[in-house]
Amino acid sequence: MYCLKTGWLLFIFISVHLEAASLAVWPINPRIDAPASTTMVWVKNNDADEEMVLQARVLTWSQQDNKDHYESQDDLVVSPPLVTVKPGTQQVFRIVNRKGAVTALPRELSYRLIIDEIPVATKQDGSVLNFQMRYSLPLFVGVPIDYEKKNFIDRQNAMADQLRYRLVESPQKSIEIINSGKANARLSKVKILRANNAEPTLISEGLLGYVLVGASRQWPLDQKQWDALKNTDVRIVFEAERQELEIAPH
């Protein structure tokens, strides 16, 4: 966060639970699946006095070199791209696939819906303060064709079956998770279990992050987590859509 003399620009990047004091956004995991061509995201202004002006756009989302990458695209558009939300009211952004109904795809596609608050100038002690917030939601499109005939639980199991983990010592002790499947992985409540039913060792209490199709991501480990994973009888499990799933070693 950087403070300038008379023109503050406050960026808040939220990617997990998108509900701030003045703005609520839902759903936080929108999708477009066949045969649909659109999805909707609602925004509500919880402020009692000030209106909000919000602008939305969709970027492609990929992962490389342990980083997230975003680029502009033309396949998905937001309608309307700009909304004014009066105090205590709600509006909707409609995300539209320009090619029409989504069909079966070789793999699940990944995007980010970016919602920016347009700065509003206010008078305070003779200074002009501009505040801006940015909200980022994962947006996935298409069930992989190989998953079409699977029920929801079997789809989650198929996704987890293609995940592998390995330990990385340099430049810092980390766990790397590789996704060689066709569906993106959302990793939440990740923990290390022992065969002797000892107390689980947590890696994350909530959302750890995402590993997109064909990508890998690393997360640093503390010494307790590292030591737990060096045992030969450990299992790593995570939660996805209220289902506990396992990640096998590489």
C-alpha atoms as a PDB file:
ATOM      1  CA  MET A   1       0.000   0.000   0.000  1.00  0.00           C
ATOM      2  CA  TYR A   2       1.502   3.330  -1.039  1.00  0.00           C
ATOM      3  CA  CYS A   3       0.332   6.743   0.223  1.00  0.00           C
ATOM      4  CA  LEU A   4       0.876   9.770  -1.979  1.00  0.00           C
ATOM      5  CA  LYS A   5       0.449  13.375  -0.810  1.00  0.00           C
ATOM      6  CA  THR A   6      -2.917  14.284  -2.329  1.00  0.00           C
ATOM      7  CA  GLY A   7      -3.906  11.369  -4.517  1.00  0.00           C
ATOM      8  CA  TRP A   8      -4.018   8.103  -2.683  1.00  0.00           C
ATOM      9  CA  LEU A   9      -4.556   4.994  -4.719  1.00  0.00           C
ATOM     10  CA  LEU A  10      -5.454   2.097  -2.498  1.00  0.00           C
ATOM     11  CA  PHE A  11      -5.393  -1.316  -4.170  1.00  0.00           C
ATOM     12  CA  ILE A  12      -6.877  -4.250  -2.320  1.00  0.00           C
ATOM     13  CA  PHE A  13      -6.608  -7.571  -4.156  1.00  0.00           C
ATOM     14  CA  ILE A  14      -9.065 -10.074  -2.743  1.00  0.00           C
ATOM     15  CA  SER A  15      -9.294 -13.563  -4.229  1.00  0.00           C
ATOM     16  CA  VAL A  16     -10.920 -15.713  -1.570  1.00  0.00           C
ATOM     17  CA  HIS A  17     -13.984 -14.396   0.199  1.00  0.00           C
ATOM     18  CA  LEU A  18     -15.206 -11.301  -1.545  1.00  0.00           C
ATOM     19  CA  GLU A  19     -17.168  -9.467   1.084  1.00  0.00           C
ATOM     20  CA  ALA A  20     -15.818  -6.182   2.368  1.00  0.00           C
ATOM     21  CA  ALA A  21     -17.487  -3.687   4.672  1.00  0.00           C
ATOM     22  CA  SER A  22     -19.006  -1.801   1.745  1.00  0.00           C
ATOM     23  CA  LEU A  23     -19.259  -4.392  -1.022  1.00  0.00           C
ATOM     24  CA  ALA A  24     -20.469  -7.994  -1.230  1.00  0.00           C
ATOM     25  CA  VAL A  25     -19.824 -10.141  -4.317  1.00  0.00           C
ATOM     26  CA  TRP A  26     -21.363 -13.554  -5.086  1.00  0.00           C
ATOM     27  CA  PRO A  27     -20.924 -16.243  -6.196  1.00  0.00           C
ATOM     28  CA  ILE A  28     -17.187 -16.245  -5.536  1.00  0.00           C
ATOM     29  CA  ASN A  29     -16.546 -19.240  -7.851  1.00  0.00           C
ATOM     30  CA  PRO A  30     -18.596 -18.546 -11.014  1.00  0.00           C
ATOM     31  CA  ARG A  31     -18.623 -21.053 -13.881  1.00  0.00           C
ATOM     32  CA  ILE A  32     -19.958 -21.411 -17.415  1.00  0.00           C
ATOM     33  CA  ASP A  33     -20.641 -25.023 -18.347  1.00  0.00           C
ATOM     34  CA  ALA A  34     -22.367 -26.657 -21.322  1.00  0.00           C
ATOM     35  CA  PRO A  35     -24.933 -25.969 -22.589  1.00  0.00           C
ATOM     36  CA  ALA A  36     -24.969 -22.507 -20.961  1.00  0.00           C
ATOM     37  CA  SER A  37     -23.423 -19.466 -22.610  1.00  0.00           C
ATOM     38  CA  THR A  38     -23.550 -17.058 -19.669  1.00  0.00           C
ATOM     39  CA  THR A  39     -23.195 -16.743 -15.930  1.00  0.00           C
ATOM     40  CA  MET A  40     -24.009 -13.913 -13.534  1.00  0.00           C
ATOM     41  CA  VAL A  41     -22.137 -12.294 -10.663  1.00  0.00           C
ATOM     42  CA  TRP A  42     -23.998 -10.068  -8.218  1.00  0.00           C
ATOM     43  CA  VAL A  43     -22.587  -7.088  -6.352  1.00  0.00           C
ATOM     44  CA  LYS A  44     -24.244  -5.347  -3.415  1.00  0.00           C
ATOM     45  CA  ASN A  45     -23.363  -1.963  -1.960  1.00  0.00           C
ATOM     46  CA  ASN A  46     -23.612  -2.258   1.814  1.00  0.00           C
ATOM     47  CA  ASP A  47     -22.717   1.386   2.374  1.00  0.00           C
ATOM     48  CA  ALA A  48     -25.610   3.417   3.744  1.00  0.00           C
ATOM     49  CA  ASP A  49     -24.562   6.714   2.170  1.00  0.00           C
ATOM     50  CA  GLU A  50     -22.171   6.476  -0.795  1.00  0.00           C
ATOM     51  CA  GLU A  51     -22.852   5.005  -4.233  1.00  0.00           C
ATOM     52  CA  MET A  52     -20.202   2.860  -5.914  1.00  0.00           C
ATOM     53  CA  VAL A  53     -19.109   2.776  -9.536  1.00  0.00           C
ATOM     54  CA  LEU A  54     -17.731  -0.621 -10.581  1.00  0.00           C
ATOM     55  CA  GLN A  55     -16.065  -1.776 -13.777  1.00  0.00           C
ATOM     56  CA  ALA A  56     -15.649  -5.468 -14.678  1.00  0.00           C
ATOM     57  CA  ARG A  57     -13.549  -7.347 -17.228  1.00  0.00           C
ATOM     58  CA  VAL A  58     -12.341 -10.887 -17.835  1.00  0.00           C
ATOM     59  CA  LEU A  59      -8.696 -11.899 -18.289  1.00  0.00           C
ATOM     60  CA  THR A  60      -7.197 -15.245 -19.205  1.00  0.00           C
ATOM     61  CA  TRP A  61      -5.432 -16.882 -16.267  1.00  0.00           C
ATOM     62  CA  SER A  62      -2.422 -19.159 -16.573  1.00  0.00           C
ATOM     63  CA  GLN A  63       0.441 -20.253 -14.341  1.00  0.00           C
ATOM     64  CA  GLN A  64       4.106 -20.468 -15.222  1.00  0.00           C
ATOM     65  CA  ASP A  65       7.348 -20.325 -13.242  1.00  0.00           C
ATOM     66  CA  ASN A  66       5.358 -20.480 -10.006  1.00  0.00           C
ATOM     67  CA  LYS A  67       3.481 -17.292 -10.859  1.00  0.00           C
ATOM     68  CA  ASP A  68      -0.002 -16.322 -12.028  1.00  0.00           C
ATOM     69  CA  HIS A  69      -0.220 -14.651 -15.418  1.00  0.00           C
ATOM     70  CA  TYR A  70      -3.137 -12.616 -16.778  1.00  0.00           C
ATOM     71  CA  GLU A  71      -3.776 -11.464 -20.327  1.00  0.00           C
ATOM     72  CA  SER A  72      -6.562  -9.697 -22.187  1.00  0.00           C
ATOM     73  CA  GLN A  73      -8.943 -11.817 -24.260  1.00  0.00           C
ATOM     74  CA  ASP A  74     -12.037 -11.547 -26.478  1.00  0.00           C
ATOM     75  CA  ASP A  75     -13.918 -14.803 -25.872  1.00  0.00           C
ATOM     76  CA  LEU A  76     -15.764 -13.682 -22.736  1.00  0.00           C
ATOM     77  CA  VAL A  77     -17.327 -10.242 -22.324  1.00  0.00           C
ATOM     78  CA  VAL A  78     -19.040  -8.570 -19.385  1.00  0.00           C
ATOM     79  CA  SER A  79     -22.420  -6.902 -19.813  1.00  0.00           C
ATOM     80  CA  PRO A  80     -22.722  -4.218 -18.697  1.00  0.00           C
ATOM     81  CA  PRO A  81     -19.011  -3.540 -18.157  1.00  0.00           C
ATOM     82  CA  LEU A  82     -19.764  -0.577 -15.870  1.00  0.00           C
ATOM     83  CA  VAL A  83     -22.429  -0.286 -13.169  1.00  0.00           C
ATOM     84  CA  THR A  84     -23.394   2.288 -10.562  1.00  0.00           C
ATOM     85  CA  VAL A  85     -24.610   0.697  -7.359  1.00  0.00           C
ATOM     86  CA  LYS A  86     -26.706   2.918  -5.123  1.00  0.00           C
ATOM     87  CA  PRO A  87     -26.431   2.583  -1.326  1.00  0.00           C
ATOM     88  CA  GLY A  88     -28.139  -0.573  -0.082  1.00  0.00           C
ATOM     89  CA  THR A  89     -28.876  -1.903  -3.579  1.00  0.00           C
ATOM     90  CA  GLN A  90     -27.437  -4.596  -5.823  1.00  0.00           C
ATOM     91  CA  GLN A  91     -26.536  -4.950  -9.473  1.00  0.00           C
ATOM     92  CA  VAL A  92     -25.489  -7.816 -11.700  1.00  0.00           C
ATOM     93  CA  PHE A  93     -22.607  -8.401 -14.096  1.00  0.00           C
ATOM     94  CA  ARG A  94     -23.444 -10.881 -16.845  1.00  0.00           C
ATOM     95  CA  ILE A  95     -20.474 -12.777 -18.309  1.00  0.00           C
ATOM     96  CA  VAL A  96     -21.200 -13.886 -21.864  1.00  0.00           C
ATOM     97  CA  ASN A  97     -19.389 -16.370 -24.076  1.00  0.00           C
ATOM     98  CA  ARG A  98     -19.263 -14.628 -27.458  1.00  0.00           C
ATOM     99  CA  LYS A  99     -19.182 -17.978 -29.259  1.00  0.00           C
ATOM    100  CA  GLY A 100     -22.534 -18.989 -27.793  1.00  0.00           C
ATOM    101  CA  ALA A 101     -23.299 -22.133 -25.832  1.00  0.00           C
ATOM    102  CA  VAL A 102     -20.293 -23.816 -24.268  1.00  0.00           C
ATOM    103  CA  THR A 103     -19.589 -27.225 -25.776  1.00  0.00           C
ATOM    104  CA  ALA A 104     -17.458 -30.114 -24.548  1.00  0.00           C
ATOM    105  CA  LEU A 105     -13.840 -29.043 -24.211  1.00  0.00           C
ATOM    106  CA  PRO A 106     -10.589 -31.027 -24.036  1.00  0.00           C
ATOM    107  CA  ARG A 107      -9.807 -29.298 -20.720  1.00  0.00           C
ATOM    108  CA  GLU A 108     -11.311 -26.809 -18.329  1.00  0.00           C
ATOM    109  CA  LEU A 109     -10.463 -23.191 -19.189  1.00  0.00           C
ATOM    110  CA  SER A 110      -9.393 -20.668 -16.558  1.00  0.00           C
ATOM    111  CA  TYR A 111     -10.060 -16.939 -16.349  1.00  0.00           C
ATOM    112  CA  ARG A 112     -10.194 -14.182 -13.759  1.00  0.00           C
ATOM    113  CA  LEU A 113     -13.090 -11.781 -13.398  1.00  0.00           C
ATOM    114  CA  ILE A 114     -11.639  -8.439 -12.283  1.00  0.00           C
ATOM    115  CA  ILE A 115     -13.976  -5.928 -10.659  1.00  0.00           C
ATOM    116  CA  ASP A 116     -12.497  -2.463 -10.101  1.00  0.00           C
ATOM    117  CA  GLU A 117     -14.024   0.289  -8.042  1.00  0.00           C
ATOM    118  CA  ILE A 118     -13.748   3.565  -9.929  1.00  0.00           C
ATOM    119  CA  PRO A 119     -12.175   6.193  -7.645  1.00  0.00           C
ATOM    120  CA  VAL A 120     -14.587   8.727  -6.170  1.00  0.00           C
ATOM    121  CA  ALA A 121     -13.219  12.127  -5.200  1.00  0.00           C
ATOM    122  CA  THR A 122     -14.307  13.384  -1.783  1.00  0.00           C
ATOM    123  CA  LYS A 123     -13.500  16.525   0.143  1.00  0.00           C
ATOM    124  CA  GLN A 124     -11.735  16.061   3.452  1.00  0.00           C
ATOM    125  CA  ASP A 125      -9.752  18.852   5.086  1.00  0.00           C
ATOM    126  CA  GLY A 126      -9.231  20.427   1.686  1.00  0.00           C
ATOM    127  CA  SER A 127      -7.542  17.316   0.253  1.00  0.00           C
ATOM    128  CA  VAL A 128      -8.826  15.008  -2.453  1.00  0.00           C
ATOM    129  CA  LEU A 129      -8.641  11.325  -1.526  1.00  0.00           C
ATOM    130  CA  ASN A 130      -9.211   8.653  -4.143  1.00  0.00           C
ATOM    131  CA  PHE A 131      -9.871   5.131  -2.950  1.00  0.00           C
ATOM    132  CA  GLN A 132      -9.936   2.138  -5.250  1.00  0.00           C
ATOM    133  CA  MET A 133     -10.570  -1.524  -4.513  1.00  0.00           C
ATOM    134  CA  ARG A 134      -9.951  -4.449  -6.826  1.00  0.00           C
ATOM    135  CA  TYR A 135     -11.725  -7.782  -6.548  1.00  0.00           C
ATOM    136  CA  SER A 136     -10.547 -10.883  -8.409  1.00  0.00           C
ATOM    137  CA  LEU A 137     -12.684 -14.000  -8.840  1.00  0.00           C
ATOM    138  CA  PRO A 138     -11.665 -17.307 -10.457  1.00  0.00           C
ATOM    139  CA  LEU A 139     -13.882 -18.068 -13.449  1.00  0.00           C
ATOM    140  CA  PHE A 140     -13.807 -21.537 -14.985  1.00  0.00           C
ATOM    141  CA  VAL A 141     -15.384 -22.592 -18.270  1.00  0.00           C
ATOM    142  CA  GLY A 142     -16.309 -26.050 -19.528  1.00  0.00           C
ATOM    143  CA  VAL A 143     -16.310 -29.534 -18.070  1.00  0.00           C
ATOM    144  CA  PRO A 144     -13.603 -31.641 -19.767  1.00  0.00           C
ATOM    145  CA  ILE A 145     -15.084 -34.030 -22.299  1.00  0.00           C
ATOM    146  CA  ASP A 146     -13.646 -37.024 -20.410  1.00  0.00           C
ATOM    147  CA  TYR A 147     -15.611 -35.927 -17.323  1.00  0.00           C
ATOM    148  CA  GLU A 148     -18.980 -35.381 -19.003  1.00  0.00           C
ATOM    149  CA  LYS A 149     -20.483 -38.704 -17.993  1.00  0.00           C
ATOM    150  CA  LYS A 150     -19.079 -38.620 -14.466  1.00  0.00           C
ATOM    151  CA  ASN A 151     -21.157 -37.472 -11.516  1.00  0.00           C
ATOM    152  CA  PHE A 152     -19.944 -34.584  -9.387  1.00  0.00           C
ATOM    153  CA  ILE A 153     -18.081 -36.722  -6.842  1.00  0.00           C
ATOM    154  CA  ASP A 154     -16.354 -38.772  -9.531  1.00  0.00           C
ATOM    155  CA  ARG A 155     -15.257 -35.557 -11.271  1.00  0.00           C
ATOM    156  CA  GLN A 156     -13.624 -34.360  -8.069  1.00  0.00           C
ATOM    157  CA  ASN A 157     -11.882 -37.717  -7.610  1.00  0.00           C
ATOM    158  CA  ALA A 158     -10.663 -37.654 -11.216  1.00  0.00           C
ATOM    159  CA  MET A 159      -9.233 -34.173 -10.664  1.00  0.00           C
ATOM    160  CA  ALA A 160      -7.422 -35.253  -7.482  1.00  0.00           C
ATOM    161  CA  ASP A 161      -6.051 -38.403  -9.148  1.00  0.00           C
ATOM    162  CA  GLN A 162      -3.987 -36.187 -11.463  1.00  0.00           C
ATOM    163  CA  LEU A 163      -2.339 -34.204  -8.655  1.00  0.00           C
ATOM    164  CA  ARG A 164       1.116 -35.038  -7.340  1.00  0.00           C
ATOM    165  CA  TYR A 165       3.342 -33.423  -4.747  1.00  0.00           C
ATOM    166  CA  ARG A 166       7.051 -33.286  -4.123  1.00  0.00           C
ATOM    167  CA  LEU A 167       9.281 -31.556  -1.608  1.00  0.00           C
ATOM    168  CA  VAL A 168      11.614 -28.772  -2.729  1.00  0.00           C
ATOM    169  CA  GLU A 169      14.588 -27.755  -0.558  1.00  0.00           C
ATOM    170  CA  SER A 170      15.967 -24.772  -2.504  1.00  0.00           C
ATOM    171  CA  PRO A 171      15.752 -21.792  -2.434  1.00  0.00           C
ATOM    172  CA  GLN A 172      13.480 -22.511   0.567  1.00  0.00           C
ATOM    173  CA  LYS A 173      11.732 -25.549   1.975  1.00  0.00           C
ATOM    174  CA  SER A 174       8.497 -25.842  -0.013  1.00  0.00           C
ATOM    175  CA  ILE A 175       5.877 -28.228  -1.288  1.00  0.00           C
ATOM    176  CA  GLU A 176       5.291 -28.303  -5.034  1.00  0.00           C
ATOM    177  CA  ILE A 177       1.938 -29.556  -6.345  1.00  0.00           C
ATOM    178  CA  ILE A 178       1.704 -30.580  -9.999  1.00  0.00           C
ATOM    179  CA  ASN A 179      -1.555 -30.813 -11.938  1.00  0.00           C
ATOM    180  CA  SER A 180      -1.258 -33.054 -14.997  1.00  0.00           C
ATOM    181  CA  GLY A 181      -5.020 -33.453 -15.415  1.00  0.00           C
ATOM    182  CA  LYS A 182      -7.727 -31.664 -17.372  1.00  0.00           C
ATOM    183  CA  ALA A 183      -9.477 -29.837 -14.519  1.00  0.00           C
ATOM    184  CA  ASN A 184      -8.223 -26.998 -12.352  1.00  0.00           C
ATOM    185  CA  ALA A 185      -7.587 -27.752  -8.680  1.00  0.00           C
ATOM    186  CA  ARG A 186      -8.728 -25.574  -5.775  1.00  0.00           C
ATOM    187  CA  LEU A 187      -6.774 -26.522  -2.661  1.00  0.00           C
ATOM    188  CA  SER A 188      -8.345 -25.731   0.692  1.00  0.00           C
ATOM    189  CA  LYS A 189      -7.825 -27.021   4.256  1.00  0.00           C
ATOM    190  CA  VAL A 190      -4.657 -28.861   3.280  1.00  0.00           C
ATOM    191  CA  LYS A 191      -3.244 -31.103   6.003  1.00  0.00           C
ATOM    192  CA  ILE A 192      -0.725 -33.851   6.608  1.00  0.00           C
ATOM    193  CA  LEU A 193      -2.013 -37.113   8.081  1.00  0.00           C
ATOM    194  CA  ARG A 194      -0.018 -39.920   9.702  1.00  0.00           C
ATOM    195  CA  ALA A 195      -0.850 -43.611   9.674  1.00  0.00           C
ATOM    196  CA  ASN A 196      -0.610 -43.729  13.477  1.00  0.00           C
ATOM    197  CA  ASN A 197      -3.606 -41.343  13.768  1.00  0.00           C
ATOM    198  CA  ALA A 198      -1.442 -38.619  15.282  1.00  0.00           C
ATOM    199  CA  GLU A 199      -2.738 -35.053  15.321  1.00  0.00           C
ATOM    200  CA  PRO A 200      -2.836 -33.747  11.714  1.00  0.00           C
ATOM    201  CA  THR A 201      -0.316 -31.100  10.720  1.00  0.00           C
ATOM    202  CA  LEU A 202      -2.001 -28.199   8.946  1.00  0.00           C
ATOM    203  CA  ILE A 203      -0.553 -26.641   5.813  1.00  0.00           C
ATOM    204  CA  SER A 204      -3.500 -24.258   5.426  1.00  0.00           C
ATOM    205  CA  GLU A 205      -6.622 -23.698   7.521  1.00  0.00           C
ATOM    206  CA  GLY A 206      -8.480 -22.154   4.585  1.00  0.00           C
ATOM    207  CA  LEU A 207      -7.691 -21.681   0.911  1.00  0.00           C
ATOM    208  CA  LEU A 208      -4.099 -22.531   0.013  1.00  0.00           C
ATOM    209  CA  GLY A 209      -4.498 -21.649  -3.660  1.00  0.00           C
ATOM    210  CA  TYR A 210      -5.088 -23.039  -7.131  1.00  0.00           C
ATOM    211  CA  VAL A 211      -3.083 -25.286  -9.416  1.00  0.00           C
ATOM    212  CA  LEU A 212      -4.300 -24.840 -12.972  1.00  0.00           C
ATOM    213  CA  VAL A 213      -4.356 -27.464 -15.706  1.00  0.00           C
ATOM    214  CA  GLY A 214      -0.853 -28.397 -16.833  1.00  0.00           C
ATOM    215  CA  ALA A 215       0.792 -26.207 -14.204  1.00  0.00           C
ATOM    216  CA  SER A 216       2.551 -26.513 -10.857  1.00  0.00           C
ATOM    217  CA  ARG A 217       2.741 -24.237  -7.826  1.00  0.00           C
ATOM    218  CA  GLN A 218       4.970 -24.104  -4.769  1.00  0.00           C
ATOM    219  CA  TRP A 219       4.138 -23.042  -1.222  1.00  0.00           C
ATOM    220  CA  PRO A 220       6.705 -22.529   1.576  1.00  0.00           C
ATOM    221  CA  LEU A 221       6.688 -24.872   4.564  1.00  0.00           C
ATOM    222  CA  ASP A 222       7.699 -24.208   8.135  1.00  0.00           C
ATOM    223  CA  GLN A 223      10.008 -26.640   9.921  1.00  0.00           C
ATOM    224  CA  LYS A 224       7.147 -28.535  11.582  1.00  0.00           C
ATOM    225  CA  GLN A 225       5.406 -29.107   8.246  1.00  0.00           C
ATOM    226  CA  TRP A 226       8.664 -30.067   6.556  1.00  0.00           C
ATOM    227  CA  ASP A 227       9.549 -32.591   9.272  1.00  0.00           C
ATOM    228  CA  ALA A 228       6.053 -34.111   9.124  1.00  0.00           C
ATOM    229  CA  LEU A 229       6.320 -34.629   5.369  1.00  0.00           C
ATOM    230  CA  LYS A 230       9.694 -36.357   5.689  1.00  0.00           C
ATOM    231  CA  ASN A 231       7.988 -39.320   7.357  1.00  0.00           C
ATOM    232  CA  THR A 232       7.257 -42.323   5.168  1.00  0.00           C
ATOM    233  CA  ASP A 233       3.713 -42.931   6.385  1.00  0.00           C
ATOM    234  CA  VAL A 234       2.193 -39.535   5.560  1.00  0.00           C
ATOM    235  CA  ARG A 235      -0.783 -38.608   3.407  1.00  0.00           C
ATOM    236  CA  ILE A 236      -1.700 -35.143   2.144  1.00  0.00           C
ATOM    237  CA  VAL A 237      -5.408 -34.401   1.935  1.00  0.00           C
ATOM    238  CA  PHE A 238      -7.350 -31.295   0.976  1.00  0.00           C
ATOM    239  CA  GLU A 239     -10.949 -30.200   0.756  1.00  0.00           C
ATOM    240  CA  ALA A 240     -12.736 -29.358  -2.485  1.00  0.00           C
ATOM    241  CA  GLU A 241     -16.474 -28.737  -2.649  1.00  0.00           C
ATOM    242  CA  ARG A 242     -16.857 -30.205   0.862  1.00  0.00           C
ATOM    243  CA  GLN A 243     -15.174 -33.425  -0.177  1.00  0.00           C
ATOM    244  CA  GLU A 244     -11.857 -34.615   1.271  1.00  0.00           C
ATOM    245  CA  LEU A 245      -9.402 -35.696  -1.418  1.00  0.00           C
ATOM    246  CA  GLU A 246      -5.839 -36.983  -1.392  1.00  0.00           C
ATOM    247  CA  ILE A 247      -2.704 -35.884  -3.251  1.00  0.00           C
ATOM    248  CA  ALA A 248      -0.262 -38.692  -4.038  1.00  0.00           C
ATOM    249  CA  PRO A 249       3.526 -38.237  -3.927  1.00  0.00           C
ATOM    250  CA  HIS A 250       5.352 -37.637  -7.187  1.00  0.00           C
END
